[in-house]
Amino acid sequence: MRVGGGIDSGYKSETMGEFELWLPENINPHLDETADKKFSVNFNGKTYSGDYKSSKVELMTNYRCDRYMMTDGYFEINAETNELSSIHIFNPKSTEKKVALKDGEILAQKIAAKYIDVNNYKLVYPYLTKLLNTI
């Protein structure tokens, strides 16, 4: 039996159609018994270890990600390849303080510049801008 069409077309025994992968039970965080309970990953020369939290499928990615919590953030692993999909590292030295929106944007760009070329990206915060316009 063939499922899907175009690039996701294939025999059901060989591939899962997008419509099955994107069911609510897959795209919402859920526990997956096949996920490793602990996982370690290398990023920028440092090893991070975490405990399994949940799994989900991001729309348009067509693969399951397993999330692992660590003391200073979390990372997600592509469940099919065991490759790092994303990492979120919190700054334990930071303190919560109020700053002007423009100062926050400058700070965000300084932090991001440690990892990416910020000139190739545009910082957007539509929800925050909309919220500020209603105050």
C-alpha atoms as a PDB file:
ATOM      1  CA  MET A   1       0.000   0.000   0.000  1.00  0.00           C
ATOM      2  CA  ARG A   2       1.338   3.438  -0.931  1.00  0.00           C
ATOM      3  CA  VAL A   3       0.897   6.442   1.332  1.00  0.00           C
ATOM      4  CA  GLY A   4       1.352  10.153   0.848  1.00  0.00           C
ATOM      5  CA  GLY A   5       2.411  11.706  -2.385  1.00  0.00           C
ATOM      6  CA  GLY A   6       5.343  13.534  -3.866  1.00  0.00           C
ATOM      7  CA  ILE A   7       8.483  13.386  -1.755  1.00  0.00           C
ATOM      8  CA  ASP A   8       6.876  11.469   1.128  1.00  0.00           C
ATOM      9  CA  SER A   9       5.447   8.805  -1.163  1.00  0.00           C
ATOM     10  CA  GLY A  10       6.551   5.270  -0.450  1.00  0.00           C
ATOM     11  CA  TYR A  11       5.440   1.855   0.688  1.00  0.00           C
ATOM     12  CA  LYS A  12       3.927   1.835   4.166  1.00  0.00           C
ATOM     13  CA  SER A  13       6.376  -0.825   5.276  1.00  0.00           C
ATOM     14  CA  GLU A  14       9.260   1.510   4.325  1.00  0.00           C
ATOM     15  CA  THR A  15       8.096   4.938   5.452  1.00  0.00           C
ATOM     16  CA  MET A  16       5.456   6.677   7.489  1.00  0.00           C
ATOM     17  CA  GLY A  17       3.349   9.299   5.737  1.00  0.00           C
ATOM     18  CA  GLU A  18       3.498  12.865   7.013  1.00  0.00           C
ATOM     19  CA  PHE A  19      -0.142  12.776   8.054  1.00  0.00           C
ATOM     20  CA  GLU A  20       0.581   9.886  10.454  1.00  0.00           C
ATOM     21  CA  LEU A  21       3.734  11.427  11.854  1.00  0.00           C
ATOM     22  CA  TRP A  22       1.990  14.740  12.549  1.00  0.00           C
ATOM     23  CA  LEU A  23      -0.860  13.299  14.606  1.00  0.00           C
ATOM     24  CA  PRO A  24      -1.526  15.275  17.828  1.00  0.00           C
ATOM     25  CA  GLU A  25      -0.110  12.474  19.967  1.00  0.00           C
ATOM     26  CA  ASN A  26       3.223  12.874  18.136  1.00  0.00           C
ATOM     27  CA  ILE A  27       3.545  16.655  17.810  1.00  0.00           C
ATOM     28  CA  ASN A  28       2.619  17.272  21.449  1.00  0.00           C
ATOM     29  CA  PRO A  29       5.217  16.409  24.097  1.00  0.00           C
ATOM     30  CA  HIS A  30       4.806  12.801  25.171  1.00  0.00           C
ATOM     31  CA  LEU A  31       6.795  10.004  26.781  1.00  0.00           C
ATOM     32  CA  ASP A  32       8.382   7.499  24.435  1.00  0.00           C
ATOM     33  CA  GLU A  33       9.535   4.256  26.041  1.00  0.00           C
ATOM     34  CA  THR A  34      12.145   3.697  23.323  1.00  0.00           C
ATOM     35  CA  ALA A  35      14.055   6.903  24.174  1.00  0.00           C
ATOM     36  CA  ASP A  36      17.307   6.613  26.121  1.00  0.00           C
ATOM     37  CA  LYS A  37      16.796   7.589  29.774  1.00  0.00           C
ATOM     38  CA  LYS A  38      20.106   9.497  29.795  1.00  0.00           C
ATOM     39  CA  PHE A  39      22.067  10.981  26.905  1.00  0.00           C
ATOM     40  CA  SER A  40      25.322  12.903  26.430  1.00  0.00           C
ATOM     41  CA  VAL A  41      26.195  15.153  23.527  1.00  0.00           C
ATOM     42  CA  ASN A  42      29.196  17.275  22.525  1.00  0.00           C
ATOM     43  CA  PHE A  43      28.668  20.907  21.573  1.00  0.00           C
ATOM     44  CA  ASN A  44      31.438  23.461  20.982  1.00  0.00           C
ATOM     45  CA  GLY A  45      34.016  21.186  22.592  1.00  0.00           C
ATOM     46  CA  LYS A  46      32.030  20.587  25.786  1.00  0.00           C
ATOM     47  CA  THR A  47      30.077  17.476  26.788  1.00  0.00           C
ATOM     48  CA  TYR A  48      26.529  17.968  28.068  1.00  0.00           C
ATOM     49  CA  SER A  49      24.569  15.191  29.794  1.00  0.00           C
ATOM     50  CA  GLY A  50      20.872  15.127  30.474  1.00  0.00           C
ATOM     51  CA  ASP A  51      17.945  13.084  31.709  1.00  0.00           C
ATOM     52  CA  TYR A  52      15.093  12.228  29.350  1.00  0.00           C
ATOM     53  CA  LYS A  53      12.073  14.530  29.677  1.00  0.00           C
ATOM     54  CA  SER A  54       9.814  14.013  26.649  1.00  0.00           C
ATOM     55  CA  SER A  55       9.562  13.480  22.892  1.00  0.00           C
ATOM     56  CA  LYS A  56       7.788  15.324  20.088  1.00  0.00           C
ATOM     57  CA  VAL A  57       7.729  15.754  16.338  1.00  0.00           C
ATOM     58  CA  GLU A  58       8.270  19.292  15.075  1.00  0.00           C
ATOM     59  CA  LEU A  59       6.047  20.151  12.147  1.00  0.00           C
ATOM     60  CA  MET A  60       7.950  20.171   8.868  1.00  0.00           C
ATOM     61  CA  THR A  61      10.938  18.212  10.223  1.00  0.00           C
ATOM     62  CA  ASN A  62       9.554  14.685   9.796  1.00  0.00           C
ATOM     63  CA  TYR A  63      11.496  13.224  12.702  1.00  0.00           C
ATOM     64  CA  ARG A  64      11.012  12.767  16.419  1.00  0.00           C
ATOM     65  CA  CYS A  65      13.138  14.784  18.866  1.00  0.00           C
ATOM     66  CA  ASP A  66      13.875  13.574  22.380  1.00  0.00           C
ATOM     67  CA  ARG A  67      14.388  16.320  24.989  1.00  0.00           C
ATOM     68  CA  TYR A  68      16.960  15.906  27.750  1.00  0.00           C
ATOM     69  CA  MET A  69      17.102  18.227  30.766  1.00  0.00           C
ATOM     70  CA  MET A  70      20.404  19.348  32.268  1.00  0.00           C
ATOM     71  CA  THR A  71      21.046  21.626  35.227  1.00  0.00           C
ATOM     72  CA  ASP A  72      21.680  24.645  33.018  1.00  0.00           C
ATOM     73  CA  GLY A  73      19.182  24.074  30.199  1.00  0.00           C
ATOM     74  CA  TYR A  74      18.137  21.319  27.832  1.00  0.00           C
ATOM     75  CA  PHE A  75      18.994  19.781  24.479  1.00  0.00           C
ATOM     76  CA  GLU A  76      17.061  17.841  21.869  1.00  0.00           C
ATOM     77  CA  ILE A  77      18.290  14.846  19.905  1.00  0.00           C
ATOM     78  CA  ASN A  78      17.050  13.598  16.541  1.00  0.00           C
ATOM     79  CA  ALA A  79      15.715  10.184  17.601  1.00  0.00           C
ATOM     80  CA  GLU A  80      16.545   8.621  14.232  1.00  0.00           C
ATOM     81  CA  THR A  81      20.186   9.719  13.980  1.00  0.00           C
ATOM     82  CA  ASN A  82      21.121  10.561  17.601  1.00  0.00           C
ATOM     83  CA  GLU A  83      22.426  13.922  16.324  1.00  0.00           C
ATOM     84  CA  LEU A  84      21.981  17.162  18.226  1.00  0.00           C
ATOM     85  CA  SER A  85      18.897  18.975  16.980  1.00  0.00           C
ATOM     86  CA  SER A  86      18.914  21.950  19.366  1.00  0.00           C
ATOM     87  CA  ILE A  87      20.496  23.070  22.616  1.00  0.00           C
ATOM     88  CA  HIS A  88      19.352  25.719  25.089  1.00  0.00           C
ATOM     89  CA  ILE A  89      21.962  26.758  27.646  1.00  0.00           C
ATOM     90  CA  PHE A  90      20.829  29.039  30.436  1.00  0.00           C
ATOM     91  CA  ASN A  91      23.266  31.422  32.082  1.00  0.00           C
ATOM     92  CA  PRO A  92      23.406  30.471  35.785  1.00  0.00           C
ATOM     93  CA  LYS A  93      25.113  33.791  36.612  1.00  0.00           C
ATOM     94  CA  SER A  94      22.268  35.865  35.232  1.00  0.00           C
ATOM     95  CA  THR A  95      19.905  37.727  37.476  1.00  0.00           C
ATOM     96  CA  GLU A  96      16.429  38.816  36.547  1.00  0.00           C
ATOM     97  CA  LYS A  97      16.261  42.530  35.964  1.00  0.00           C
ATOM     98  CA  LYS A  98      14.151  44.864  33.938  1.00  0.00           C
ATOM     99  CA  VAL A  99      15.788  46.486  30.937  1.00  0.00           C
ATOM    100  CA  ALA A 100      14.537  48.690  28.157  1.00  0.00           C
ATOM    101  CA  LEU A 101      13.443  46.813  25.055  1.00  0.00           C
ATOM    102  CA  LYS A 102      16.321  48.228  22.966  1.00  0.00           C
ATOM    103  CA  ASP A 103      18.843  47.246  25.674  1.00  0.00           C
ATOM    104  CA  GLY A 104      17.359  43.744  25.701  1.00  0.00           C
ATOM    105  CA  GLU A 105      17.773  43.529  21.933  1.00  0.00           C
ATOM    106  CA  ILE A 106      21.436  44.590  22.188  1.00  0.00           C
ATOM    107  CA  LEU A 107      22.054  42.045  24.939  1.00  0.00           C
ATOM    108  CA  ALA A 108      20.367  39.263  22.922  1.00  0.00           C
ATOM    109  CA  GLN A 109      22.552  40.061  19.914  1.00  0.00           C
ATOM    110  CA  LYS A 110      25.733  40.001  22.033  1.00  0.00           C
ATOM    111  CA  ILE A 111      24.843  36.586  23.422  1.00  0.00           C
ATOM    112  CA  ALA A 112      23.868  35.214  20.008  1.00  0.00           C
ATOM    113  CA  ALA A 113      27.072  36.559  18.436  1.00  0.00           C
ATOM    114  CA  LYS A 114      29.043  34.018  20.464  1.00  0.00           C
ATOM    115  CA  TYR A 115      27.398  31.241  18.422  1.00  0.00           C
ATOM    116  CA  ILE A 116      26.212  32.707  15.105  1.00  0.00           C
ATOM    117  CA  ASP A 117      26.869  35.570  12.701  1.00  0.00           C
ATOM    118  CA  VAL A 118      24.066  37.881  13.844  1.00  0.00           C
ATOM    119  CA  ASN A 119      24.250  39.800  10.557  1.00  0.00           C
ATOM    120  CA  ASN A 120      22.673  36.779   8.848  1.00  0.00           C
ATOM    121  CA  TYR A 121      19.571  36.911  11.082  1.00  0.00           C
ATOM    122  CA  LYS A 122      16.860  39.330  12.086  1.00  0.00           C
ATOM    123  CA  LEU A 123      15.750  39.529  15.696  1.00  0.00           C
ATOM    124  CA  VAL A 124      11.965  39.616  15.881  1.00  0.00           C
ATOM    125  CA  TYR A 125       9.661  39.700  18.850  1.00  0.00           C
ATOM    126  CA  PRO A 126       6.143  40.208  17.442  1.00  0.00           C
ATOM    127  CA  TYR A 127       4.322  39.005  20.546  1.00  0.00           C
ATOM    128  CA  LEU A 128       6.252  41.365  22.812  1.00  0.00           C
ATOM    129  CA  THR A 129       5.816  44.297  20.412  1.00  0.00           C
ATOM    130  CA  LYS A 130       2.060  43.618  20.210  1.00  0.00           C
ATOM    131  CA  LEU A 131       1.857  43.368  24.001  1.00  0.00           C
ATOM    132  CA  LEU A 132       3.727  46.653  24.503  1.00  0.00           C
ATOM    133  CA  ASN A 133       1.444  48.416  22.035  1.00  0.00           C
ATOM    134  CA  THR A 134      -1.586  47.471  24.144  1.00  0.00           C
ATOM    135  CA  ILE A 135      -0.193  48.936  27.366  1.00  0.00           C
END
